[in-house]
Amino acid sequence: MFKKMAIVLGIALAVSACGNGDKVEQASNEAPKKQKIVIGFGVGTYITQFDKGVRPYLEQKGYEVETKTFSHNKLIPQALKEGEVDASVHISTANMEEMNRRLQADMIVWADTPSAPQSLRSTKHTSLDVMKDGMTIGVPNDPINLERAVRILEDLDWVNVDPNVETIVFSTNAVTPKKFNVDLKPMDAAQLPRAMDDLDFAVINGNFIASKGERISDGLAIEKSPPEHLVKVAILEKNKDQQWAIDLKAAYQSKEFETYIKNECLFDGFIYPAHWE
């Protein structure tokens, strides 16, 4: 009798132990849902797009949303890698691969956002017909945006561009005269709008134009932006299955976001995501 009771008790304890073990394992595998999302931006209008068109969607989902604006875009990939921000809205596929290599990071394109093309502009001249040798043209000094700017001048037949230079190391050394011997003035992209009075022309990034309340379409020449230069939403690949990342993508793909952008004159001239067409 006592022997049978001991056996039954032992089985009961074993079953109880197994059951508790299952519960502990299940709990340890259940990560709490992320309730706060931090998004990094450069200076410009992409944060406006987010605040007015994306943030409301995420907040309705119950997320706390924080935005961080960086004075220089080159600081954002490092912040993303280190977890200071969960996602960024500034990078293009043209430089993502190189930044991943430099930082040993795993950034991936996660969503599309309306992207602002560059434009050639002037406060001194109202026509391109006045162009002559020696005129000054302000251009961004970082390789990616510099190449974009020079391609506008190439399309005008003003300059020749060395076809063998890689985008990531592009410099003014790759540019030679064609119709005109222009004087290129590289400077920080954010400074170009303030330097226009000292230049004959300047190639300005579109988000800076929109930030001034001006229309991109009023430029003297508009960039035909190739896909690799369009601005993207980026996250780290390891986070692609996280619920917050899925919800962030859904927010950028939502009808609410599309409707906001298409009804806001600030974004006239922006290049829309392909799936909106």
C-alpha atoms as a PDB file:
ATOM      1  CA  MET A   1       0.000   0.000   0.000  1.00  0.00           C
ATOM      2  CA  PHE A   2       2.665   2.492   1.051  1.00  0.00           C
ATOM      3  CA  LYS A   3       4.777   1.442  -1.905  1.00  0.00           C
ATOM      4  CA  LYS A   4       1.881   2.153  -4.308  1.00  0.00           C
ATOM      5  CA  MET A   5       1.245   5.533  -2.712  1.00  0.00           C
ATOM      6  CA  ALA A   6       4.926   6.449  -3.096  1.00  0.00           C
ATOM      7  CA  ILE A   7       4.841   5.536  -6.773  1.00  0.00           C
ATOM      8  CA  VAL A   8       1.664   7.603  -7.375  1.00  0.00           C
ATOM      9  CA  LEU A   9       3.122  10.554  -5.471  1.00  0.00           C
ATOM     10  CA  GLY A  10       6.355  10.332  -7.459  1.00  0.00           C
ATOM     11  CA  ILE A  11       4.449  10.330 -10.755  1.00  0.00           C
ATOM     12  CA  ALA A  12       2.352  13.294  -9.618  1.00  0.00           C
ATOM     13  CA  LEU A  13       5.448  15.272  -8.660  1.00  0.00           C
ATOM     14  CA  ALA A  14       7.098  14.429 -11.963  1.00  0.00           C
ATOM     15  CA  VAL A  15       4.028  15.532 -13.939  1.00  0.00           C
ATOM     16  CA  SER A  16       3.834  18.732 -11.880  1.00  0.00           C
ATOM     17  CA  ALA A  17       7.525  19.451 -12.462  1.00  0.00           C
ATOM     18  CA  CYS A  18       7.153  18.899 -16.217  1.00  0.00           C
ATOM     19  CA  GLY A  19       4.150  21.206 -16.316  1.00  0.00           C
ATOM     20  CA  ASN A  20       5.958  23.989 -14.464  1.00  0.00           C
ATOM     21  CA  GLY A  21       8.970  23.561 -16.690  1.00  0.00           C
ATOM     22  CA  ASP A  22       6.798  24.034 -19.787  1.00  0.00           C
ATOM     23  CA  LYS A  23       5.355  27.241 -18.376  1.00  0.00           C
ATOM     24  CA  VAL A  24       8.790  28.675 -17.566  1.00  0.00           C
ATOM     25  CA  GLU A  25      10.082  27.863 -21.064  1.00  0.00           C
ATOM     26  CA  GLN A  26       7.006  29.424 -22.661  1.00  0.00           C
ATOM     27  CA  ALA A  27       7.335  32.620 -20.652  1.00  0.00           C
ATOM     28  CA  SER A  28      11.036  33.025 -21.453  1.00  0.00           C
ATOM     29  CA  ASN A  29      10.262  32.817 -25.171  1.00  0.00           C
ATOM     30  CA  GLU A  30       7.645  35.563 -25.031  1.00  0.00           C
ATOM     31  CA  ALA A  31       9.309  38.953 -25.491  1.00  0.00           C
ATOM     32  CA  PRO A  32       7.222  41.927 -24.357  1.00  0.00           C
ATOM     33  CA  LYS A  33       5.786  43.995 -27.194  1.00  0.00           C
ATOM     34  CA  LYS A  34       7.847  47.083 -28.000  1.00  0.00           C
ATOM     35  CA  GLN A  35       5.765  50.124 -27.091  1.00  0.00           C
ATOM     36  CA  LYS A  36       8.175  52.913 -28.095  1.00  0.00           C
ATOM     37  CA  ILE A  37       9.613  53.556 -31.550  1.00  0.00           C
ATOM     38  CA  VAL A  38      12.451  56.037 -32.157  1.00  0.00           C
ATOM     39  CA  ILE A  39      12.960  57.300 -35.727  1.00  0.00           C
ATOM     40  CA  GLY A  40      16.049  59.197 -36.948  1.00  0.00           C
ATOM     41  CA  PHE A  41      15.977  61.956 -39.573  1.00  0.00           C
ATOM     42  CA  GLY A  42      18.295  64.427 -41.235  1.00  0.00           C
ATOM     43  CA  VAL A  43      17.390  68.095 -41.528  1.00  0.00           C
ATOM     44  CA  GLY A  44      14.493  68.636 -43.934  1.00  0.00           C
ATOM     45  CA  THR A  45      10.909  67.688 -44.695  1.00  0.00           C
ATOM     46  CA  TYR A  46      11.012  63.923 -44.204  1.00  0.00           C
ATOM     47  CA  ILE A  47      10.281  64.417 -40.524  1.00  0.00           C
ATOM     48  CA  THR A  48       7.248  66.530 -41.512  1.00  0.00           C
ATOM     49  CA  GLN A  49       6.016  63.667 -43.689  1.00  0.00           C
ATOM     50  CA  PHE A  50       6.368  61.362 -40.714  1.00  0.00           C
ATOM     51  CA  ASP A  51       4.811  63.603 -38.073  1.00  0.00           C
ATOM     52  CA  LYS A  52       1.726  64.400 -40.130  1.00  0.00           C
ATOM     53  CA  GLY A  53       1.263  61.216 -42.138  1.00  0.00           C
ATOM     54  CA  VAL A  54       2.800  58.290 -40.232  1.00  0.00           C
ATOM     55  CA  ARG A  55       2.902  59.146 -36.526  1.00  0.00           C
ATOM     56  CA  PRO A  56      -0.941  59.244 -36.144  1.00  0.00           C
ATOM     57  CA  TYR A  57      -1.193  55.703 -37.549  1.00  0.00           C
ATOM     58  CA  LEU A  58       1.383  54.368 -35.081  1.00  0.00           C
ATOM     59  CA  GLU A  59      -0.078  56.221 -32.116  1.00  0.00           C
ATOM     60  CA  GLN A  60      -3.485  54.745 -32.880  1.00  0.00           C
ATOM     61  CA  LYS A  61      -1.784  51.355 -32.621  1.00  0.00           C
ATOM     62  CA  GLY A  62      -0.699  52.284 -29.095  1.00  0.00           C
ATOM     63  CA  TYR A  63       2.948  53.133 -29.734  1.00  0.00           C
ATOM     64  CA  GLU A  64       4.847  55.974 -28.113  1.00  0.00           C
ATOM     65  CA  VAL A  65       6.746  57.665 -30.931  1.00  0.00           C
ATOM     66  CA  GLU A  66       9.944  59.716 -30.625  1.00  0.00           C
ATOM     67  CA  THR A  67      11.815  61.462 -33.434  1.00  0.00           C
ATOM     68  CA  LYS A  68      15.459  62.542 -33.472  1.00  0.00           C
ATOM     69  CA  THR A  69      16.893  65.014 -35.990  1.00  0.00           C
ATOM     70  CA  PHE A  70      20.617  64.754 -36.742  1.00  0.00           C
ATOM     71  CA  SER A  71      22.596  67.728 -37.998  1.00  0.00           C
ATOM     72  CA  HIS A  72      24.556  65.486 -40.389  1.00  0.00           C
ATOM     73  CA  ASN A  73      23.130  62.475 -42.216  1.00  0.00           C
ATOM     74  CA  LYS A  74      26.384  60.577 -41.802  1.00  0.00           C
ATOM     75  CA  LEU A  75      25.662  60.250 -38.071  1.00  0.00           C
ATOM     76  CA  ILE A  76      22.387  58.395 -38.567  1.00  0.00           C
ATOM     77  CA  PRO A  77      23.615  54.932 -39.725  1.00  0.00           C
ATOM     78  CA  GLN A  78      25.849  54.650 -36.657  1.00  0.00           C
ATOM     79  CA  ALA A  79      22.923  55.630 -34.430  1.00  0.00           C
ATOM     80  CA  LEU A  80      20.804  52.961 -36.102  1.00  0.00           C
ATOM     81  CA  LYS A  81      23.467  50.297 -35.667  1.00  0.00           C
ATOM     82  CA  GLU A  82      23.918  51.134 -31.977  1.00  0.00           C
ATOM     83  CA  GLY A  83      20.194  51.150 -31.257  1.00  0.00           C
ATOM     84  CA  GLU A  84      19.924  54.862 -30.561  1.00  0.00           C
ATOM     85  CA  VAL A  85      17.155  54.875 -33.192  1.00  0.00           C
ATOM     86  CA  ASP A  86      15.026  51.961 -34.358  1.00  0.00           C
ATOM     87  CA  ALA A  87      14.613  53.185 -37.933  1.00  0.00           C
ATOM     88  CA  SER A  88      15.861  56.011 -40.126  1.00  0.00           C
ATOM     89  CA  VAL A  89      14.425  58.021 -43.003  1.00  0.00           C
ATOM     90  CA  HIS A  90      17.366  59.486 -44.903  1.00  0.00           C
ATOM     91  CA  ILE A  91      19.375  56.855 -46.751  1.00  0.00           C
ATOM     92  CA  SER A  92      19.270  55.660 -50.361  1.00  0.00           C
ATOM     93  CA  THR A  93      20.245  52.284 -51.723  1.00  0.00           C
ATOM     94  CA  ALA A  94      23.161  53.995 -53.476  1.00  0.00           C
ATOM     95  CA  ASN A  95      25.054  54.413 -50.209  1.00  0.00           C
ATOM     96  CA  MET A  96      23.472  51.788 -47.933  1.00  0.00           C
ATOM     97  CA  GLU A  97      25.739  48.983 -49.113  1.00  0.00           C
ATOM     98  CA  GLU A  98      28.863  51.061 -48.491  1.00  0.00           C
ATOM     99  CA  MET A  99      27.677  52.212 -45.059  1.00  0.00           C
ATOM    100  CA  ASN A 100      26.920  48.604 -44.104  1.00  0.00           C
ATOM    101  CA  ARG A 101      30.454  47.660 -45.114  1.00  0.00           C
ATOM    102  CA  ARG A 102      32.063  50.528 -43.216  1.00  0.00           C
ATOM    103  CA  LEU A 103      30.061  50.041 -40.048  1.00  0.00           C
ATOM    104  CA  GLN A 104      29.687  46.262 -40.170  1.00  0.00           C
ATOM    105  CA  ALA A 105      25.943  46.925 -39.981  1.00  0.00           C
ATOM    106  CA  ASP A 106      22.921  45.118 -41.392  1.00  0.00           C
ATOM    107  CA  MET A 107      20.706  47.979 -42.591  1.00  0.00           C
ATOM    108  CA  ILE A 108      17.977  47.064 -45.065  1.00  0.00           C
ATOM    109  CA  VAL A 109      15.455  49.073 -47.065  1.00  0.00           C
ATOM    110  CA  TRP A 110      12.167  48.687 -45.217  1.00  0.00           C
ATOM    111  CA  ALA A 111       9.694  51.074 -46.847  1.00  0.00           C
ATOM    112  CA  ASP A 112       9.378  53.798 -49.463  1.00  0.00           C
ATOM    113  CA  THR A 113       8.610  57.444 -48.798  1.00  0.00           C
ATOM    114  CA  PRO A 114       8.041  60.360 -51.191  1.00  0.00           C
ATOM    115  CA  SER A 115      11.501  61.499 -52.246  1.00  0.00           C
ATOM    116  CA  ALA A 116      12.598  65.013 -53.185  1.00  0.00           C
ATOM    117  CA  PRO A 117      14.662  65.423 -56.375  1.00  0.00           C
ATOM    118  CA  GLN A 118      17.462  67.953 -56.604  1.00  0.00           C
ATOM    119  CA  SER A 119      17.000  71.065 -58.715  1.00  0.00           C
ATOM    120  CA  LEU A 120      19.277  73.667 -60.303  1.00  0.00           C
ATOM    121  CA  ARG A 121      18.308  77.104 -59.020  1.00  0.00           C
ATOM    122  CA  SER A 122      19.477  80.706 -58.961  1.00  0.00           C
ATOM    123  CA  THR A 123      18.675  83.980 -57.239  1.00  0.00           C
ATOM    124  CA  LYS A 124      20.701  85.923 -59.846  1.00  0.00           C
ATOM    125  CA  HIS A 125      19.459  84.430 -63.107  1.00  0.00           C
ATOM    126  CA  THR A 126      16.021  83.480 -64.410  1.00  0.00           C
ATOM    127  CA  SER A 127      17.211  81.424 -67.384  1.00  0.00           C
ATOM    128  CA  LEU A 128      19.869  78.862 -68.208  1.00  0.00           C
ATOM    129  CA  ASP A 129      20.597  80.750 -71.427  1.00  0.00           C
ATOM    130  CA  VAL A 130      22.887  83.173 -69.562  1.00  0.00           C
ATOM    131  CA  MET A 131      25.369  80.397 -68.753  1.00  0.00           C
ATOM    132  CA  LYS A 132      28.978  81.120 -69.770  1.00  0.00           C
ATOM    133  CA  ASP A 133      32.508  80.022 -68.882  1.00  0.00           C
ATOM    134  CA  GLY A 134      33.636  80.749 -65.350  1.00  0.00           C
ATOM    135  CA  MET A 135      30.188  80.936 -63.761  1.00  0.00           C
ATOM    136  CA  THR A 136      29.982  79.444 -60.283  1.00  0.00           C
ATOM    137  CA  ILE A 137      27.748  76.503 -59.413  1.00  0.00           C
ATOM    138  CA  GLY A 138      27.299  75.399 -55.812  1.00  0.00           C
ATOM    139  CA  VAL A 139      27.054  71.626 -55.361  1.00  0.00           C
ATOM    140  CA  PRO A 140      26.823  69.311 -52.318  1.00  0.00           C
ATOM    141  CA  ASN A 141      30.191  68.120 -51.067  1.00  0.00           C
ATOM    142  CA  ASP A 142      29.265  64.525 -50.102  1.00  0.00           C
ATOM    143  CA  PRO A 143      29.911  61.954 -52.864  1.00  0.00           C
ATOM    144  CA  ILE A 144      26.338  60.700 -53.262  1.00  0.00           C
ATOM    145  CA  ASN A 145      24.660  64.087 -53.599  1.00  0.00           C
ATOM    146  CA  LEU A 146      27.570  65.526 -55.553  1.00  0.00           C
ATOM    147  CA  GLU A 147      27.222  62.894 -58.254  1.00  0.00           C
ATOM    148  CA  ARG A 148      23.466  63.525 -58.395  1.00  0.00           C
ATOM    149  CA  ALA A 149      24.104  67.255 -58.831  1.00  0.00           C
ATOM    150  CA  VAL A 150      26.714  66.801 -61.540  1.00  0.00           C
ATOM    151  CA  ARG A 151      24.409  64.485 -63.479  1.00  0.00           C
ATOM    152  CA  ILE A 152      22.001  67.432 -63.851  1.00  0.00           C
ATOM    153  CA  LEU A 153      24.809  69.473 -65.388  1.00  0.00           C
ATOM    154  CA  GLU A 154      25.743  66.523 -67.586  1.00  0.00           C
ATOM    155  CA  ASP A 155      22.157  66.268 -68.865  1.00  0.00           C
ATOM    156  CA  LEU A 156      22.393  69.960 -69.840  1.00  0.00           C
ATOM    157  CA  ASP A 157      25.586  69.163 -71.807  1.00  0.00           C
ATOM    158  CA  TRP A 158      27.503  71.632 -69.680  1.00  0.00           C
ATOM    159  CA  VAL A 159      30.065  69.076 -68.418  1.00  0.00           C
ATOM    160  CA  ASN A 160      31.431  65.601 -69.037  1.00  0.00           C
ATOM    161  CA  VAL A 161      31.538  62.991 -66.266  1.00  0.00           C
ATOM    162  CA  ASP A 162      34.055  60.158 -66.022  1.00  0.00           C
ATOM    163  CA  PRO A 163      31.936  56.988 -66.463  1.00  0.00           C
ATOM    164  CA  ASN A 164      34.380  54.856 -64.469  1.00  0.00           C
ATOM    165  CA  VAL A 165      34.170  56.691 -61.137  1.00  0.00           C
ATOM    166  CA  GLU A 166      32.177  54.888 -58.435  1.00  0.00           C
ATOM    167  CA  THR A 167      29.442  56.848 -56.699  1.00  0.00           C
ATOM    168  CA  ILE A 168      30.778  56.291 -53.201  1.00  0.00           C
ATOM    169  CA  VAL A 169      34.122  58.021 -54.025  1.00  0.00           C
ATOM    170  CA  PHE A 170      32.765  60.581 -56.483  1.00  0.00           C
ATOM    171  CA  SER A 171      34.514  63.975 -56.518  1.00  0.00           C
ATOM    172  CA  THR A 172      34.816  67.035 -58.742  1.00  0.00           C
ATOM    173  CA  ASN A 173      37.921  65.407 -60.253  1.00  0.00           C
ATOM    174  CA  ALA A 174      35.517  63.267 -62.286  1.00  0.00           C
ATOM    175  CA  VAL A 175      34.089  66.381 -63.996  1.00  0.00           C
ATOM    176  CA  THR A 176      35.567  68.034 -67.099  1.00  0.00           C
ATOM    177  CA  PRO A 177      34.275  70.891 -69.312  1.00  0.00           C
ATOM    178  CA  LYS A 178      31.966  70.256 -72.243  1.00  0.00           C
ATOM    179  CA  LYS A 179      29.960  73.274 -73.388  1.00  0.00           C
ATOM    180  CA  PHE A 180      31.247  75.384 -70.516  1.00  0.00           C
ATOM    181  CA  ASN A 181      34.180  75.553 -68.156  1.00  0.00           C
ATOM    182  CA  VAL A 182      32.153  75.850 -64.965  1.00  0.00           C
ATOM    183  CA  ASP A 183      33.509  76.636 -61.513  1.00  0.00           C
ATOM    184  CA  LEU A 184      32.082  74.028 -59.128  1.00  0.00           C
ATOM    185  CA  LYS A 185      31.860  75.078 -55.464  1.00  0.00           C
ATOM    186  CA  PRO A 186      31.328  72.028 -53.211  1.00  0.00           C
ATOM    187  CA  MET A 187      29.853  72.742 -49.767  1.00  0.00           C
ATOM    188  CA  ASP A 188      27.638  71.170 -47.163  1.00  0.00           C
ATOM    189  CA  ALA A 189      24.246  70.478 -48.759  1.00  0.00           C
ATOM    190  CA  ALA A 190      22.386  72.222 -45.937  1.00  0.00           C
ATOM    191  CA  GLN A 191      24.440  75.413 -46.450  1.00  0.00           C
ATOM    192  CA  LEU A 192      23.742  75.755 -50.171  1.00  0.00           C
ATOM    193  CA  PRO A 193      20.338  77.493 -49.856  1.00  0.00           C
ATOM    194  CA  ARG A 194      21.966  80.220 -47.732  1.00  0.00           C
ATOM    195  CA  ALA A 195      24.889  80.621 -50.140  1.00  0.00           C
ATOM    196  CA  MET A 196      22.876  81.181 -53.314  1.00  0.00           C
ATOM    197  CA  ASP A 197      23.370  84.966 -53.364  1.00  0.00           C
ATOM    198  CA  ASP A 198      27.120  84.363 -53.718  1.00  0.00           C
ATOM    199  CA  LEU A 199      26.729  81.870 -56.582  1.00  0.00           C
ATOM    200  CA  ASP A 200      25.473  82.004 -60.138  1.00  0.00           C
ATOM    201  CA  PHE A 201      23.629  78.710 -59.735  1.00  0.00           C
ATOM    202  CA  ALA A 202      23.290  76.008 -57.104  1.00  0.00           C
ATOM    203  CA  VAL A 203      22.038  72.447 -57.086  1.00  0.00           C
ATOM    204  CA  ILE A 204      19.839  72.123 -54.000  1.00  0.00           C
ATOM    205  CA  ASN A 205      18.465  68.971 -52.406  1.00  0.00           C
ATOM    206  CA  GLY A 206      14.692  68.982 -52.737  1.00  0.00           C
ATOM    207  CA  ASN A 207      13.852  68.639 -49.061  1.00  0.00           C
ATOM    208  CA  PHE A 208      15.634  71.934 -48.352  1.00  0.00           C
ATOM    209  CA  ILE A 209      13.604  73.653 -51.074  1.00  0.00           C
ATOM    210  CA  ALA A 210      10.360  72.331 -49.642  1.00  0.00           C
ATOM    211  CA  SER A 211      11.422  73.399 -46.148  1.00  0.00           C
ATOM    212  CA  LYS A 212      11.705  76.983 -47.434  1.00  0.00           C
ATOM    213  CA  GLY A 213       8.139  76.786 -48.730  1.00  0.00           C
ATOM    214  CA  GLU A 214       9.265  76.833 -52.374  1.00  0.00           C
ATOM    215  CA  ARG A 215       8.191  74.499 -55.153  1.00  0.00           C
ATOM    216  CA  ILE A 216      10.714  72.007 -56.490  1.00  0.00           C
ATOM    217  CA  SER A 217       9.036  72.287 -59.885  1.00  0.00           C
ATOM    218  CA  ASP A 218      10.064  75.974 -60.091  1.00  0.00           C
ATOM    219  CA  GLY A 219      13.722  75.006 -60.506  1.00  0.00           C
ATOM    220  CA  LEU A 220      15.567  75.840 -63.725  1.00  0.00           C
ATOM    221  CA  ALA A 221      16.384  72.136 -64.169  1.00  0.00           C
ATOM    222  CA  ILE A 222      15.014  69.164 -62.218  1.00  0.00           C
ATOM    223  CA  GLU A 223      16.861  65.947 -61.447  1.00  0.00           C
ATOM    224  CA  LYS A 224      15.598  62.789 -63.131  1.00  0.00           C
ATOM    225  CA  SER A 225      16.205  60.837 -59.939  1.00  0.00           C
ATOM    226  CA  PRO A 226      17.190  57.204 -60.559  1.00  0.00           C
ATOM    227  CA  PRO A 227      15.749  54.600 -58.158  1.00  0.00           C
ATOM    228  CA  GLU A 228      19.039  54.140 -56.323  1.00  0.00           C
ATOM    229  CA  HIS A 229      18.966  57.776 -55.185  1.00  0.00           C
ATOM    230  CA  LEU A 230      15.460  57.809 -53.737  1.00  0.00           C
ATOM    231  CA  VAL A 231      15.174  58.182 -49.969  1.00  0.00           C
ATOM    232  CA  LYS A 232      14.178  55.045 -48.073  1.00  0.00           C
ATOM    233  CA  VAL A 233      13.020  53.993 -44.631  1.00  0.00           C
ATOM    234  CA  ALA A 234      15.717  51.722 -43.166  1.00  0.00           C
ATOM    235  CA  ILE A 235      15.877  49.305 -40.234  1.00  0.00           C
ATOM    236  CA  LEU A 236      18.324  46.630 -39.119  1.00  0.00           C
ATOM    237  CA  GLU A 237      17.673  43.275 -40.754  1.00  0.00           C
ATOM    238  CA  LYS A 238      17.535  41.516 -37.386  1.00  0.00           C
ATOM    239  CA  ASN A 239      14.371  43.502 -36.562  1.00  0.00           C
ATOM    240  CA  LYS A 240      12.389  42.731 -39.706  1.00  0.00           C
ATOM    241  CA  ASP A 241      10.079  40.240 -37.957  1.00  0.00           C
ATOM    242  CA  GLN A 242       9.382  42.489 -34.968  1.00  0.00           C
ATOM    243  CA  GLN A 243       5.787  43.655 -34.690  1.00  0.00           C
ATOM    244  CA  TRP A 244       6.792  47.330 -34.402  1.00  0.00           C
ATOM    245  CA  ALA A 245       8.711  47.046 -37.692  1.00  0.00           C
ATOM    246  CA  ILE A 246       5.733  45.428 -39.404  1.00  0.00           C
ATOM    247  CA  ASP A 247       3.483  48.224 -38.112  1.00  0.00           C
ATOM    248  CA  LEU A 248       5.961  50.898 -39.227  1.00  0.00           C
ATOM    249  CA  LYS A 249       5.961  49.509 -42.764  1.00  0.00           C
ATOM    250  CA  ALA A 250       2.173  49.334 -42.740  1.00  0.00           C
ATOM    251  CA  ALA A 251       2.026  53.000 -41.689  1.00  0.00           C
ATOM    252  CA  TYR A 252       4.176  54.095 -44.641  1.00  0.00           C
ATOM    253  CA  GLN A 253       2.072  51.931 -46.979  1.00  0.00           C
ATOM    254  CA  SER A 254      -1.246  53.137 -45.569  1.00  0.00           C
ATOM    255  CA  LYS A 255      -3.873  54.982 -47.563  1.00  0.00           C
ATOM    256  CA  GLU A 256      -3.893  57.658 -44.861  1.00  0.00           C
ATOM    257  CA  PHE A 257      -0.243  58.499 -45.550  1.00  0.00           C
ATOM    258  CA  GLU A 258      -0.749  58.587 -49.313  1.00  0.00           C
ATOM    259  CA  THR A 259      -3.788  60.834 -48.976  1.00  0.00           C
ATOM    260  CA  TYR A 260      -1.936  63.266 -46.708  1.00  0.00           C
ATOM    261  CA  ILE A 261       1.043  63.592 -49.065  1.00  0.00           C
ATOM    262  CA  LYS A 262      -1.047  64.033 -52.202  1.00  0.00           C
ATOM    263  CA  ASN A 263      -3.111  66.776 -50.580  1.00  0.00           C
ATOM    264  CA  GLU A 264      -0.176  68.731 -49.121  1.00  0.00           C
ATOM    265  CA  CYS A 265       1.288  71.312 -51.532  1.00  0.00           C
ATOM    266  CA  LEU A 266       4.569  71.200 -49.598  1.00  0.00           C
ATOM    267  CA  PHE A 267       5.330  67.954 -51.410  1.00  0.00           C
ATOM    268  CA  ASP A 268       4.547  69.089 -54.956  1.00  0.00           C
ATOM    269  CA  GLY A 269       7.319  67.791 -57.183  1.00  0.00           C
ATOM    270  CA  PHE A 270       8.292  64.909 -54.896  1.00  0.00           C
ATOM    271  CA  ILE A 271       8.722  61.469 -56.462  1.00  0.00           C
ATOM    272  CA  TYR A 272       6.019  59.157 -55.140  1.00  0.00           C
ATOM    273  CA  PRO A 273       6.537  55.485 -54.218  1.00  0.00           C
ATOM    274  CA  ALA A 274       5.925  53.285 -57.235  1.00  0.00           C
ATOM    275  CA  HIS A 275       3.021  51.432 -55.618  1.00  0.00           C
ATOM    276  CA  TRP A 276       1.042  54.703 -55.391  1.00  0.00           C
ATOM    277  CA  GLU A 277       0.766  54.949 -59.168  1.00  0.00           C
END
